PDB file of all heavy atoms in Angstrom:
ATOM      1  N   LEU A   1       0.830  -1.207   0.011  1.00  0.00           N
ATOM      2  CA  LEU A   1      -0.034   0.011   0.015  1.00  0.00           C
ATOM      3  C   LEU A   1       0.845   1.263   0.032  1.00  0.00           C
ATOM      4  O   LEU A   1       0.592   2.195  -0.747  1.00  0.00           O
ATOM      5  CB  LEU A   1      -0.925   0.027   1.157  1.00  0.00           C
ATOM      6  CG  LEU A   1      -1.940   1.208   1.310  1.00  0.00           C
ATOM      7  CD1 LEU A   1      -2.875   1.127   0.080  1.00  0.00           C
ATOM      8  CD2 LEU A   1      -2.716   1.164   2.568  1.00  0.00           C
ATOM      9  N   ALA A   2       1.929   1.239   0.812  1.00  0.00           N
ATOM     10  CA  ALA A   2       2.808   2.445   0.851  1.00  0.00           C
ATOM     11  C   ALA A   2       3.424   2.641  -0.526  1.00  0.00           C
ATOM     12  O   ALA A   2       3.558   3.846  -0.934  1.00  0.00           O
ATOM     13  CB  ALA A   2       3.877   2.265   1.907  1.00  0.00           C
ATOM     14  N   GLY A   3       3.836   1.627  -1.205  1.00  0.00           N
ATOM     15  CA  GLY A   3       4.457   1.726  -2.498  1.00  0.00           C
ATOM     16  C   GLY A   3       3.464   2.283  -3.563  1.00  0.00           C
ATOM     17  O   GLY A   3       3.924   2.819  -4.582  1.00  0.00           O
ATOM     18  N   THR A   4       2.170   2.124  -3.336  1.00  0.00           N
ATOM     19  CA  THR A   4       1.215   2.680  -4.324  1.00  0.00           C
ATOM     20  C   THR A   4       0.822   4.096  -4.039  1.00  0.00           C
ATOM     21  O   THR A   4       0.193   4.706  -4.826  1.00  0.00           O
ATOM     22  CB  THR A   4      -0.085   1.829  -4.362  1.00  0.00           C
ATOM     23  OG1 THR A   4      -0.739   1.902  -3.076  1.00  0.00           O
ATOM     24  CG2 THR A   4       0.207   0.362  -4.705  1.00  0.00           C
ATOM     25  N   GLN A   5       1.185   4.559  -2.825  1.00  0.00           N
ATOM     26  CA  GLN A   5       0.756   5.937  -2.495  1.00  0.00           C
ATOM     27  C   GLN A   5       1.914   6.935  -2.433  1.00  0.00           C
ATOM     28  O   GLN A   5       1.680   8.186  -2.345  1.00  0.00           O
ATOM     29  CB  GLN A   5       0.059   5.889  -1.116  1.00  0.00           C
ATOM     30  CG  GLN A   5      -1.175   5.152  -1.151  1.00  0.00           C
ATOM     31  CD  GLN A   5      -1.902   5.161   0.183  1.00  0.00           C
ATOM     32  OE1 GLN A   5      -1.279   5.255   1.190  1.00  0.00           O
ATOM     33  NE2 GLN A   5      -3.205   4.899   0.140  1.00  0.00           N
ATOM     34  N   VAL A   6       3.127   6.533  -2.413  1.00  0.00           N
ATOM     35  CA  VAL A   6       4.299   7.407  -2.329  1.00  0.00           C
ATOM     36  C   VAL A   6       5.216   7.129  -3.438  1.00  0.00           C
ATOM     37  O   VAL A   6       5.493   5.996  -3.636  1.00  0.00           O
ATOM     38  CB  VAL A   6       4.975   7.262  -0.932  1.00  0.00           C
ATOM     39  CG1 VAL A   6       6.195   8.072  -0.805  1.00  0.00           C
ATOM     40  CG2 VAL A   6       4.030   7.642   0.170  1.00  0.00           C
ATOM     41  N   PRO A   7       5.822   8.095  -4.131  1.00  0.00           N
ATOM     42  CA  PRO A   7       5.622   9.505  -4.028  1.00  0.00           C
ATOM     43  C   PRO A   7       4.430   9.998  -4.716  1.00  0.00           C
ATOM     44  O   PRO A   7       4.037  11.191  -4.483  1.00  0.00           O
ATOM     45  CB  PRO A   7       6.917  10.061  -4.616  1.00  0.00           C
ATOM     46  CG  PRO A   7       7.362   8.989  -5.600  1.00  0.00           C
ATOM     47  CD  PRO A   7       6.896   7.694  -5.056  1.00  0.00           C
ATOM     48  N   VAL A   8       3.807   9.314  -5.585  1.00  0.00           N
ATOM     49  CA  VAL A   8       2.539   9.725  -6.199  1.00  0.00           C
ATOM     50  C   VAL A   8       1.461   8.634  -5.958  1.00  0.00           C
ATOM     51  O   VAL A   8       1.785   7.537  -5.810  1.00  0.00           O
ATOM     52  CB  VAL A   8       2.671   9.956  -7.816  1.00  0.00           C
ATOM     53  CG1 VAL A   8       3.604  11.052  -8.072  1.00  0.00           C
ATOM     54  CG2 VAL A   8       3.177   8.631  -8.472  1.00  0.00           C
ATOM     55  N   ASN A   9       0.271   9.030  -5.872  1.00  0.00           N
ATOM     56  CA  ASN A   9      -0.806   8.171  -5.578  1.00  0.00           C
ATOM     57  C   ASN A   9      -1.302   7.524  -6.848  1.00  0.00           C
ATOM     58  O   ASN A   9      -1.698   8.175  -7.860  1.00  0.00           O
ATOM     59  CB  ASN A   9      -1.975   8.900  -4.894  1.00  0.00           C
ATOM     60  CG  ASN A   9      -2.888   8.020  -4.146  1.00  0.00           C
ATOM     61  OD1 ASN A   9      -2.666   6.788  -4.122  1.00  0.00           O
ATOM     62  ND2 ASN A   9      -3.892   8.583  -3.539  1.00  0.00           N
ATOM     63  N   ARG A  10      -1.185   6.163  -6.898  1.00  0.00           N
ATOM     64  CA  ARG A  10      -1.670   5.369  -8.005  1.00  0.00           C
ATOM     65  C   ARG A  10      -2.974   4.676  -7.508  1.00  0.00           C
ATOM     66  O   ARG A  10      -2.920   3.786  -6.689  1.00  0.00           O
ATOM     67  CB  ARG A  10      -0.599   4.433  -8.457  1.00  0.00           C
ATOM     68  CG  ARG A  10       0.583   5.206  -9.085  1.00  0.00           C
ATOM     69  CD  ARG A  10       1.688   4.303  -9.486  1.00  0.00           C
ATOM     70  NE  ARG A  10       2.267   3.424  -8.499  1.00  0.00           N
ATOM     71  CZ  ARG A  10       3.194   3.932  -7.661  1.00  0.00           C
ATOM     72  NH1 ARG A  10       3.664   5.145  -7.775  1.00  0.00           N
ATOM     73  NH2 ARG A  10       3.726   3.159  -6.716  1.00  0.00           N
ATOM     74  N   TRP A  11      -4.097   5.018  -8.080  1.00  0.00           N
ATOM     75  CA  TRP A  11      -5.380   4.579  -7.571  1.00  0.00           C
ATOM     76  C   TRP A  11      -5.705   3.147  -7.808  1.00  0.00           C
ATOM     77  O   TRP A  11      -6.252   2.438  -6.971  1.00  0.00           O
ATOM     78  CB  TRP A  11      -6.531   5.496  -8.159  1.00  0.00           C
ATOM     79  CG  TRP A  11      -6.394   6.827  -7.549  1.00  0.00           C
ATOM     80  CD1 TRP A  11      -5.953   7.978  -8.177  1.00  0.00           C
ATOM     81  CD2 TRP A  11      -6.759   7.267  -6.235  1.00  0.00           C
ATOM     82  NE1 TRP A  11      -6.019   9.000  -7.392  1.00  0.00           N
ATOM     83  CE2 TRP A  11      -6.547   8.619  -6.156  1.00  0.00           C
ATOM     84  CE3 TRP A  11      -7.247   6.641  -5.148  1.00  0.00           C
ATOM     85  CZ2 TRP A  11      -6.774   9.353  -5.021  1.00  0.00           C
ATOM     86  CZ3 TRP A  11      -7.519   7.339  -4.010  1.00  0.00           C
ATOM     87  CH2 TRP A  11      -7.198   8.712  -3.877  1.00  0.00           C
ATOM     88  N   VAL A  12      -5.388   2.590  -8.973  1.00  0.00           N
ATOM     89  CA  VAL A  12      -5.799   1.222  -9.312  1.00  0.00           C
ATOM     90  C   VAL A  12      -5.012   0.253  -8.405  1.00  0.00           C
ATOM     91  O   VAL A  12      -5.587  -0.603  -7.786  1.00  0.00           O
ATOM     92  CB  VAL A  12      -5.567   0.886 -10.785  1.00  0.00           C
ATOM     93  CG1 VAL A  12      -5.759  -0.506 -11.094  1.00  0.00           C
ATOM     94  CG2 VAL A  12      -6.490   1.786 -11.602  1.00  0.00           C
ATOM     95  N   PRO A  13      -3.667   0.357  -8.309  1.00  0.00           N
ATOM     96  CA  PRO A  13      -2.960  -0.605  -7.400  1.00  0.00           C
ATOM     97  C   PRO A  13      -3.336  -0.387  -5.916  1.00  0.00           C
ATOM     98  O   PRO A  13      -3.475  -1.347  -5.188  1.00  0.00           O
ATOM     99  CB  PRO A  13      -1.491  -0.290  -7.633  1.00  0.00           C
ATOM    100  CG  PRO A  13      -1.404   0.399  -8.849  1.00  0.00           C
ATOM    101  CD  PRO A  13      -2.695   1.099  -9.035  1.00  0.00           C
ATOM    102  N   SER A  14      -3.617   0.884  -5.596  1.00  0.00           N
ATOM    103  CA  SER A  14      -3.996   1.129  -4.198  1.00  0.00           C
ATOM    104  C   SER A  14      -5.394   0.551  -3.895  1.00  0.00           C
ATOM    105  O   SER A  14      -5.605  -0.034  -2.850  1.00  0.00           O
ATOM    106  CB  SER A  14      -4.044   2.620  -3.982  1.00  0.00           C
ATOM    107  OG  SER A  14      -4.451   2.973  -2.675  1.00  0.00           O
ATOM    108  N   ALA A  15      -6.272   0.601  -4.868  1.00  0.00           N
ATOM    109  CA  ALA A  15      -7.659   0.017  -4.641  1.00  0.00           C
ATOM    110  C   ALA A  15      -7.470  -1.549  -4.596  1.00  0.00           C
ATOM    111  O   ALA A  15      -8.228  -2.198  -3.795  1.00  0.00           O
ATOM    112  CB  ALA A  15      -8.523   0.414  -5.817  1.00  0.00           C
ATOM    113  N   ALA A  16      -6.544  -2.127  -5.385  1.00  0.00           N
ATOM    114  CA  ALA A  16      -6.422  -3.564  -5.326  1.00  0.00           C
ATOM    115  C   ALA A  16      -5.891  -4.010  -3.970  1.00  0.00           C
ATOM    116  O   ALA A  16      -6.320  -5.024  -3.408  1.00  0.00           O
ATOM    117  CB  ALA A  16      -5.402  -3.972  -6.431  1.00  0.00           C
ATOM    118  N   VAL A  17      -5.014  -3.305  -3.375  1.00  0.00           N
ATOM    119  CA  VAL A  17      -4.419  -3.609  -2.097  1.00  0.00           C
ATOM    120  C   VAL A  17      -5.519  -3.443  -1.021  1.00  0.00           C
ATOM    121  O   VAL A  17      -5.665  -4.334  -0.166  1.00  0.00           O
ATOM    122  CB  VAL A  17      -3.201  -2.773  -1.785  1.00  0.00           C
ATOM    123  CG1 VAL A  17      -2.790  -2.927  -0.298  1.00  0.00           C
ATOM    124  CG2 VAL A  17      -2.024  -3.096  -2.690  1.00  0.00           C
ATOM    125  N   MET A  18      -6.302  -2.432  -1.140  1.00  0.00           N
ATOM    126  CA  MET A  18      -7.421  -2.208  -0.163  1.00  0.00           C
ATOM    127  C   MET A  18      -8.479  -3.292  -0.251  1.00  0.00           C
ATOM    128  O   MET A  18      -9.016  -3.728   0.731  1.00  0.00           O
ATOM    129  CB  MET A  18      -8.061  -0.884  -0.396  1.00  0.00           C
ATOM    130  CG  MET A  18      -7.100   0.336   0.026  1.00  0.00           C
ATOM    131  SD  MET A  18      -6.410   0.122   1.696  1.00  0.00           S
ATOM    132  CE  MET A  18      -7.871   0.293   2.716  1.00  0.00           C
ATOM    133  N   ILE A  19      -8.745  -3.852  -1.471  1.00  0.00           N
ATOM    134  CA  ILE A  19      -9.656  -4.916  -1.665  1.00  0.00           C
ATOM    135  C   ILE A  19      -9.083  -6.215  -0.900  1.00  0.00           C
ATOM    136  O   ILE A  19      -9.840  -6.929  -0.272  1.00  0.00           O
ATOM    137  CB  ILE A  19      -9.974  -5.153  -3.135  1.00  0.00           C
ATOM    138  CG1 ILE A  19     -10.859  -4.035  -3.687  1.00  0.00           C
ATOM    139  CG2 ILE A  19     -10.661  -6.525  -3.342  1.00  0.00           C
ATOM    140  CD1 ILE A  19     -11.036  -4.077  -5.153  1.00  0.00           C
ATOM    141  N   LEU A  20      -7.765  -6.436  -1.167  1.00  0.00           N
ATOM    142  CA  LEU A  20      -7.186  -7.535  -0.453  1.00  0.00           C
ATOM    143  C   LEU A  20      -7.296  -7.429   1.040  1.00  0.00           C
ATOM    144  O   LEU A  20      -7.512  -8.423   1.796  1.00  0.00           O
ATOM    145  CB  LEU A  20      -5.718  -7.721  -0.867  1.00  0.00           C
ATOM    146  CG  LEU A  20      -5.431  -8.252  -2.244  1.00  0.00           C
ATOM    147  CD1 LEU A  20      -3.985  -8.196  -2.644  1.00  0.00           C
ATOM    148  CD2 LEU A  20      -6.007  -9.666  -2.418  1.00  0.00           C
ATOM    149  N   PHE A  21      -7.095  -6.222   1.529  1.00  0.00           N
ATOM    150  CA  PHE A  21      -7.144  -5.940   2.974  1.00  0.00           C
ATOM    151  C   PHE A  21      -8.576  -6.249   3.420  1.00  0.00           C
ATOM    152  O   PHE A  21      -8.783  -6.902   4.453  1.00  0.00           O
ATOM    153  CB  PHE A  21      -6.748  -4.517   3.341  1.00  0.00           C
ATOM    154  CG  PHE A  21      -7.172  -4.045   4.663  1.00  0.00           C
ATOM    155  CD1 PHE A  21      -6.516  -4.609   5.786  1.00  0.00           C
ATOM    156  CD2 PHE A  21      -8.206  -3.236   4.883  1.00  0.00           C
ATOM    157  CE1 PHE A  21      -6.907  -4.191   7.033  1.00  0.00           C
ATOM    158  CE2 PHE A  21      -8.625  -2.842   6.139  1.00  0.00           C
ATOM    159  CZ  PHE A  21      -7.976  -3.365   7.238  1.00  0.00           C
ATOM    160  N   LEU A  22      -9.563  -5.706   2.770  1.00  0.00           N
ATOM    161  CA  LEU A  22     -10.950  -5.937   3.126  1.00  0.00           C
ATOM    162  C   LEU A  22     -11.303  -7.417   3.113  1.00  0.00           C
ATOM    163  O   LEU A  22     -12.005  -7.887   4.064  1.00  0.00           O
ATOM    164  CB  LEU A  22     -11.908  -5.154   2.239  1.00  0.00           C
ATOM    165  CG  LEU A  22     -11.879  -3.612   2.411  1.00  0.00           C
ATOM    166  CD1 LEU A  22     -12.707  -2.944   1.441  1.00  0.00           C
ATOM    167  CD2 LEU A  22     -12.283  -3.275   3.857  1.00  0.00           C
ATOM    168  N   LEU A  23     -10.865  -8.162   2.165  1.00  0.00           N
ATOM    169  CA  LEU A  23     -11.116  -9.598   2.055  1.00  0.00           C
ATOM    170  C   LEU A  23     -10.518 -10.300   3.346  1.00  0.00           C
ATOM    171  O   LEU A  23     -11.180 -11.177   3.909  1.00  0.00           O
ATOM    172  CB  LEU A  23     -10.560 -10.164   0.835  1.00  0.00           C
ATOM    173  CG  LEU A  23     -11.310  -9.829  -0.503  1.00  0.00           C
ATOM    174  CD1 LEU A  23     -10.575 -10.398  -1.680  1.00  0.00           C
ATOM    175  CD2 LEU A  23     -12.744 -10.445  -0.440  1.00  0.00           C
ATOM    176  N   GLY A  24      -9.301  -9.966   3.645  1.00  0.00           N
ATOM    177  CA  GLY A  24      -8.691 -10.596   4.862  1.00  0.00           C
ATOM    178  C   GLY A  24      -9.341 -10.160   6.131  1.00  0.00           C
ATOM    179  O   GLY A  24      -9.553 -11.025   7.040  1.00  0.00           O
ATOM    180  N   ALA A  25      -9.787  -8.935   6.220  1.00  0.00           N
ATOM    181  CA  ALA A  25     -10.469  -8.493   7.435  1.00  0.00           C
ATOM    182  C   ALA A  25     -11.778  -9.167   7.617  1.00  0.00           C
ATOM    183  O   ALA A  25     -12.188  -9.596   8.657  1.00  0.00           O
ATOM    184  CB  ALA A  25     -10.569  -6.998   7.442  1.00  0.00           C
ATOM    185  N   VAL A  26     -12.532  -9.185   6.505  1.00  0.00           N
ATOM    186  CA  VAL A  26     -13.861  -9.805   6.540  1.00  0.00           C
ATOM    187  C   VAL A  26     -13.703 -11.305   6.877  1.00  0.00           C
ATOM    188  O   VAL A  26     -14.554 -11.872   7.673  1.00  0.00           O
ATOM    189  CB  VAL A  26     -14.646  -9.584   5.249  1.00  0.00           C
ATOM    190  CG1 VAL A  26     -15.878 -10.545   5.114  1.00  0.00           C
ATOM    191  CG2 VAL A  26     -15.065  -8.079   5.113  1.00  0.00           C
ATOM    192  N   ALA A  27     -12.772 -11.953   6.239  1.00  0.00           N
ATOM    193  CA  ALA A  27     -12.547 -13.391   6.518  1.00  0.00           C
ATOM    194  C   ALA A  27     -12.251 -13.674   8.005  1.00  0.00           C
ATOM    195  O   ALA A  27     -12.758 -14.598   8.597  1.00  0.00           O
ATOM    196  CB  ALA A  27     -11.443 -13.962   5.684  1.00  0.00           C
ATOM    197  N   SER A  28     -11.473 -12.798   8.588  1.00  0.00           N
ATOM    198  CA  SER A  28     -11.054 -13.051   9.972  1.00  0.00           C
ATOM    199  C   SER A  28     -12.222 -12.791  10.886  1.00  0.00           C
ATOM    200  O   SER A  28     -12.420 -13.388  11.897  1.00  0.00           O
ATOM    201  CB  SER A  28      -9.881 -12.172  10.405  1.00  0.00           C
ATOM    202  OG  SER A  28     -10.203 -10.827  10.421  1.00  0.00           O
ATOM    203  N   PHE A  29     -13.107 -11.815  10.575  1.00  0.00           N
ATOM    204  CA  PHE A  29     -14.300 -11.541  11.438  1.00  0.00           C
ATOM    205  C   PHE A  29     -15.335 -12.562  11.226  1.00  0.00           C
ATOM    206  O   PHE A  29     -16.064 -12.832  12.119  1.00  0.00           O
ATOM    207  CB  PHE A  29     -14.813 -10.119  11.100  1.00  0.00           C
ATOM    208  CG  PHE A  29     -13.974  -9.028  11.687  1.00  0.00           C
ATOM    209  CD1 PHE A  29     -13.378  -8.098  10.808  1.00  0.00           C
ATOM    210  CD2 PHE A  29     -13.683  -8.928  13.088  1.00  0.00           C
ATOM    211  CE1 PHE A  29     -12.591  -7.044  11.358  1.00  0.00           C
ATOM    212  CE2 PHE A  29     -12.877  -7.895  13.517  1.00  0.00           C
ATOM    213  CZ  PHE A  29     -12.341  -6.957  12.705  1.00  0.00           C
ATOM    214  N   ARG A  30     -15.418 -13.152  10.016  1.00  0.00           N
ATOM    215  CA  ARG A  30     -16.460 -14.169   9.782  1.00  0.00           C
ATOM    216  C   ARG A  30     -16.125 -15.461  10.390  1.00  0.00           C
ATOM    217  O   ARG A  30     -17.018 -16.310  10.540  1.00  0.00           O
ATOM    218  CB  ARG A  30     -16.622 -14.362   8.235  1.00  0.00           C
ATOM    219  CG  ARG A  30     -17.121 -13.167   7.490  1.00  0.00           C
ATOM    220  CD  ARG A  30     -18.521 -13.048   7.489  1.00  0.00           C
ATOM    221  NE  ARG A  30     -19.123 -14.355   7.136  1.00  0.00           N
ATOM    222  CZ  ARG A  30     -20.258 -14.542   6.516  1.00  0.00           C
ATOM    223  NH1 ARG A  30     -20.945 -13.471   6.168  1.00  0.00           N
ATOM    224  NH2 ARG A  30     -20.806 -15.721   6.281  1.00  0.00           N
ATOM    225  N   LEU A  31     -14.907 -15.700  10.766  1.00  0.00           N
ATOM    226  CA  LEU A  31     -14.460 -17.006  11.380  1.00  0.00           C
ATOM    227  C   LEU A  31     -14.980 -17.125  12.818  1.00  0.00           C
ATOM    228  O   LEU A  31     -15.052 -18.231  13.293  1.00  0.00           O
ATOM    229  CB  LEU A  31     -12.927 -17.148  11.333  1.00  0.00           C
ATOM    230  CG  LEU A  31     -12.423 -17.431   9.915  1.00  0.00           C
ATOM    231  CD1 LEU A  31     -10.898 -17.373   9.962  1.00  0.00           C
ATOM    232  CD2 LEU A  31     -12.941 -18.659   9.369  1.00  0.00           C
ATOM    233  N   GLY A  32     -15.343 -16.056  13.469  1.00  0.00           N
ATOM    234  CA  GLY A  32     -15.873 -16.143  14.764  1.00  0.00           C
ATOM    235  C   GLY A  32     -15.275 -15.101  15.663  1.00  0.00           C
ATOM    236  O   GLY A  32     -14.370 -14.364  15.331  1.00  0.00           O
ATOM    237  N   ALA A  33     -15.833 -15.031  16.871  1.00  0.00           N
ATOM    238  CA  ALA A  33     -15.443 -14.008  17.852  1.00  0.00           C
ATOM    239  C   ALA A  33     -13.992 -14.199  18.246  1.00  0.00           C
ATOM    240  O   ALA A  33     -13.311 -13.171  18.559  1.00  0.00           O
ATOM    241  CB  ALA A  33     -16.319 -14.036  19.037  1.00  0.00           C
ATOM    242  N   GLU A  34     -13.485 -15.399  18.296  1.00  0.00           N
ATOM    243  CA  GLU A  34     -12.094 -15.605  18.723  1.00  0.00           C
ATOM    244  C   GLU A  34     -11.109 -15.062  17.758  1.00  0.00           C
ATOM    245  O   GLU A  34      -9.968 -14.826  18.032  1.00  0.00           O
ATOM    246  CB  GLU A  34     -11.838 -17.089  19.059  1.00  0.00           C
ATOM    247  CG  GLU A  34     -11.935 -17.977  17.887  1.00  0.00           C
ATOM    248  CD  GLU A  34     -13.366 -18.518  17.677  1.00  0.00           C
ATOM    249  OE1 GLU A  34     -14.330 -18.093  18.384  1.00  0.00           O
ATOM    250  OE2 GLU A  34     -13.527 -19.364  16.788  1.00  0.00           O
ATOM    251  N   PHE A  35     -11.542 -14.892  16.409  1.00  0.00           N
ATOM    252  CA  PHE A  35     -10.702 -14.384  15.397  1.00  0.00           C
ATOM    253  C   PHE A  35     -10.760 -12.861  15.255  1.00  0.00           C
ATOM    254  O   PHE A  35     -10.045 -12.300  14.431  1.00  0.00           O
ATOM    255  CB  PHE A  35     -10.925 -15.116  14.125  1.00  0.00           C
ATOM    256  CG  PHE A  35     -10.406 -16.510  14.008  1.00  0.00           C
ATOM    257  CD1 PHE A  35     -11.272 -17.518  14.356  1.00  0.00           C
ATOM    258  CD2 PHE A  35      -9.077 -16.739  13.826  1.00  0.00           C
ATOM    259  CE1 PHE A  35     -10.829 -18.830  14.343  1.00  0.00           C
ATOM    260  CE2 PHE A  35      -8.633 -18.046  13.880  1.00  0.00           C
ATOM    261  CZ  PHE A  35      -9.502 -19.084  14.054  1.00  0.00           C
ATOM    262  N   THR A  36     -11.629 -12.209  16.006  1.00  0.00           N
ATOM    263  CA  THR A  36     -11.799 -10.768  15.868  1.00  0.00           C
ATOM    264  C   THR A  36     -10.455 -10.077  16.221  1.00  0.00           C
ATOM    265  O   THR A  36     -10.063  -9.107  15.612  1.00  0.00           O
ATOM    266  CB  THR A  36     -12.906 -10.282  16.815  1.00  0.00           C
ATOM    267  OG1 THR A  36     -14.093 -10.906  16.417  1.00  0.00           O
ATOM    268  CG2 THR A  36     -13.107  -8.780  16.685  1.00  0.00           C
ATOM    269  N   LEU A  37      -9.791 -10.507  17.260  1.00  0.00           N
ATOM    270  CA  LEU A  37      -8.501  -9.947  17.661  1.00  0.00           C
ATOM    271  C   LEU A  37      -7.458 -10.149  16.638  1.00  0.00           C
ATOM    272  O   LEU A  37      -6.606  -9.344  16.323  1.00  0.00           O
ATOM    273  CB  LEU A  37      -8.029 -10.495  19.049  1.00  0.00           C
ATOM    274  CG  LEU A  37      -6.880  -9.799  19.681  1.00  0.00           C
ATOM    275  CD1 LEU A  37      -7.161  -8.287  19.814  1.00  0.00           C
ATOM    276  CD2 LEU A  37      -6.539 -10.407  21.008  1.00  0.00           C
ATOM    277  N   VAL A  38      -7.573 -11.293  15.924  1.00  0.00           N
ATOM    278  CA  VAL A  38      -6.603 -11.554  14.763  1.00  0.00           C
ATOM    279  C   VAL A  38      -6.849 -10.566  13.639  1.00  0.00           C
ATOM    280  O   VAL A  38      -5.929  -9.996  13.079  1.00  0.00           O
ATOM    281  CB  VAL A  38      -6.789 -12.980  14.245  1.00  0.00           C
ATOM    282  CG1 VAL A  38      -5.995 -13.205  13.018  1.00  0.00           C
ATOM    283  CG2 VAL A  38      -6.408 -13.982  15.373  1.00  0.00           C
ATOM    284  N   GLY A  39      -8.089 -10.190  13.366  1.00  0.00           N
ATOM    285  CA  GLY A  39      -8.421  -9.182  12.404  1.00  0.00           C
ATOM    286  C   GLY A  39      -7.953  -7.846  12.766  1.00  0.00           C
ATOM    287  O   GLY A  39      -7.447  -7.087  11.923  1.00  0.00           O
ATOM    288  N   VAL A  40      -8.136  -7.472  14.026  1.00  0.00           N
ATOM    289  CA  VAL A  40      -7.651  -6.219  14.443  1.00  0.00           C
ATOM    290  C   VAL A  40      -6.093  -6.129  14.405  1.00  0.00           C
ATOM    291  O   VAL A  40      -5.540  -5.086  13.981  1.00  0.00           O
ATOM    292  CB  VAL A  40      -8.128  -5.887  15.945  1.00  0.00           C
ATOM    293  CG1 VAL A  40      -7.450  -4.656  16.558  1.00  0.00           C
ATOM    294  CG2 VAL A  40      -9.601  -5.747  15.946  1.00  0.00           C
ATOM    295  N   THR A  41      -5.413  -7.233  14.787  1.00  0.00           N
ATOM    296  CA  THR A  41      -3.962  -7.296  14.639  1.00  0.00           C
ATOM    297  C   THR A  41      -3.558  -7.181  13.146  1.00  0.00           C
ATOM    298  O   THR A  41      -2.524  -6.442  12.935  1.00  0.00           O
ATOM    299  CB  THR A  41      -3.458  -8.603  15.256  1.00  0.00           C
ATOM    300  OG1 THR A  41      -3.924  -8.778  16.552  1.00  0.00           O
ATOM    301  CG2 THR A  41      -1.996  -8.723  15.175  1.00  0.00           C
ATOM    302  N   PHE A  42      -4.237  -7.764  12.364  1.00  0.00           N
ATOM    303  CA  PHE A  42      -3.985  -7.629  10.822  1.00  0.00           C
ATOM    304  C   PHE A  42      -4.070  -6.212  10.395  1.00  0.00           C
ATOM    305  O   PHE A  42      -3.219  -5.670   9.726  1.00  0.00           O
ATOM    306  CB  PHE A  42      -4.951  -8.571  10.119  1.00  0.00           C
ATOM    307  CG  PHE A  42      -4.969  -8.466   8.606  1.00  0.00           C
ATOM    308  CD1 PHE A  42      -3.875  -8.775   7.886  1.00  0.00           C
ATOM    309  CD2 PHE A  42      -6.101  -7.992   7.985  1.00  0.00           C
ATOM    310  CE1 PHE A  42      -3.897  -8.727   6.534  1.00  0.00           C
ATOM    311  CE2 PHE A  42      -6.075  -7.904   6.575  1.00  0.00           C
ATOM    312  CZ  PHE A  42      -4.972  -8.301   5.848  1.00  0.00           C
ATOM    313  N   ALA A  43      -5.084  -5.543  10.748  1.00  0.00           N
ATOM    314  CA  ALA A  43      -5.294  -4.094  10.424  1.00  0.00           C
ATOM    315  C   ALA A  43      -4.259  -3.187  11.015  1.00  0.00           C
ATOM    316  O   ALA A  43      -3.747  -2.331  10.319  1.00  0.00           O
ATOM    317  CB  ALA A  43      -6.689  -3.636  10.805  1.00  0.00           C
ATOM    318  N   VAL A  44      -3.900  -3.375  12.284  1.00  0.00           N
ATOM    319  CA  VAL A  44      -2.953  -2.566  12.866  1.00  0.00           C
ATOM    320  C   VAL A  44      -1.536  -2.731  12.278  1.00  0.00           C
ATOM    321  O   VAL A  44      -0.775  -1.826  12.000  1.00  0.00           O
ATOM    322  CB  VAL A  44      -2.891  -2.773  14.392  1.00  0.00           C
ATOM    323  CG1 VAL A  44      -1.676  -2.191  15.053  1.00  0.00           C
ATOM    324  CG2 VAL A  44      -4.161  -2.273  15.050  1.00  0.00           C
TER     325      VAL A  44
END
């Protein structure tokens, strides 16, 4: 993500990385309450 935003912002690669992030976050939250902290750790 940092490589897509610095020194110039490239929207298509940045959007692709954010979609991957959202897929990972949703997957970790959908696995159950015990994986919620794993999702938060992933985001941080």
